[in-house]
Amino acid sequence: MVNEYTIKGKFLMGSTFQKFERTIKAAKEENAVEKIYLDLGSKHGVKRKYVHIEEVRTD
């Protein structure tokens, strides 16, 4: 079953942290978090250690 997860957090962009909130469809919470890491790494070139997940919520 596919659920929607809302993920809040921040990532390092240059010398400051940028907040984000994204809604992802995934089968499990772990898959949704992995998708966030993949998207931010792909679009912004951010390494995983600079992404801080603060909240994961099921919608």
Protein backbone atom coordinates (compact mmCIF):
# COMPACT_ATOMS: atom_id res chain seq x y z
CA MET A 1 0.00 0.00 0.00
CA VAL A 2 1.34 3.42 -0.94
CA ASN A 3 1.13 6.22 1.62
CA GLU A 4 1.93 9.92 1.43
CA TYR A 5 4.64 11.13 3.77
CA THR A 6 5.37 14.77 4.56
CA ILE A 7 9.01 15.27 5.42
CA LYS A 8 10.40 18.41 7.05
CA GLY A 9 14.02 19.25 7.57
CA LYS A 10 16.92 21.38 6.44
CA PHE A 11 20.00 21.01 4.29
CA LEU A 12 23.25 22.92 3.93
CA MET A 13 23.21 25.24 0.93
CA GLY A 14 26.46 27.16 0.72
CA SER A 15 27.16 28.37 4.25
CA THR A 16 23.56 28.41 5.53
CA PHE A 17 20.87 25.84 6.16
CA GLN A 18 17.81 25.93 3.91
CA LYS A 19 14.52 24.56 5.29
CA PHE A 20 12.37 22.25 3.20
CA GLU A 21 9.04 20.45 3.36
CA ARG A 22 8.17 17.83 0.76
CA THR A 23 5.37 15.32 0.28
CA ILE A 24 6.48 11.96 -1.11
CA LYS A 25 4.47 8.87 -2.05
CA ALA A 26 6.14 5.67 -0.85
CA ALA A 27 5.36 2.21 0.49
CA LYS A 28 7.43 2.68 3.67
CA GLU A 29 8.77 5.60 5.67
CA GLU A 30 12.37 4.49 4.98
CA ASN A 31 11.72 4.67 1.23
CA ALA A 32 10.32 8.20 1.53
CA VAL A 33 13.39 9.39 3.46
CA GLU A 34 15.68 7.74 0.91
CA LYS A 35 13.83 9.56 -1.88
CA ILE A 36 14.46 12.89 -0.13
CA TYR A 37 18.19 12.14 0.07
CA LEU A 38 18.22 11.20 -3.63
CA ASP A 39 16.28 14.31 -4.73
CA LEU A 40 18.35 16.79 -2.72
CA GLY A 41 21.59 15.15 -3.81
CA SER A 42 20.55 15.20 -7.44
CA LYS A 43 19.08 18.70 -7.61
CA HIS A 44 21.38 20.55 -5.20
CA GLY A 45 24.50 18.38 -4.97
CA VAL A 46 24.08 17.97 -1.21
CA LYS A 47 25.73 15.04 0.54
CA ARG A 48 23.61 12.99 2.96
CA LYS A 49 25.54 14.18 6.01
CA TYR A 50 24.36 17.74 5.28
CA VAL A 51 20.65 16.80 5.16
CA HIS A 52 18.89 16.87 8.54
CA ILE A 53 15.44 15.28 8.66
CA GLU A 54 13.43 16.84 11.50
CA GLU A 55 9.98 15.28 11.05
CA VAL A 56 8.33 12.53 9.03
CA ARG A 57 4.53 12.50 9.07
CA THR A 58 1.98 10.22 7.38
CA ASP A 59 -0.79 12.08 5.60
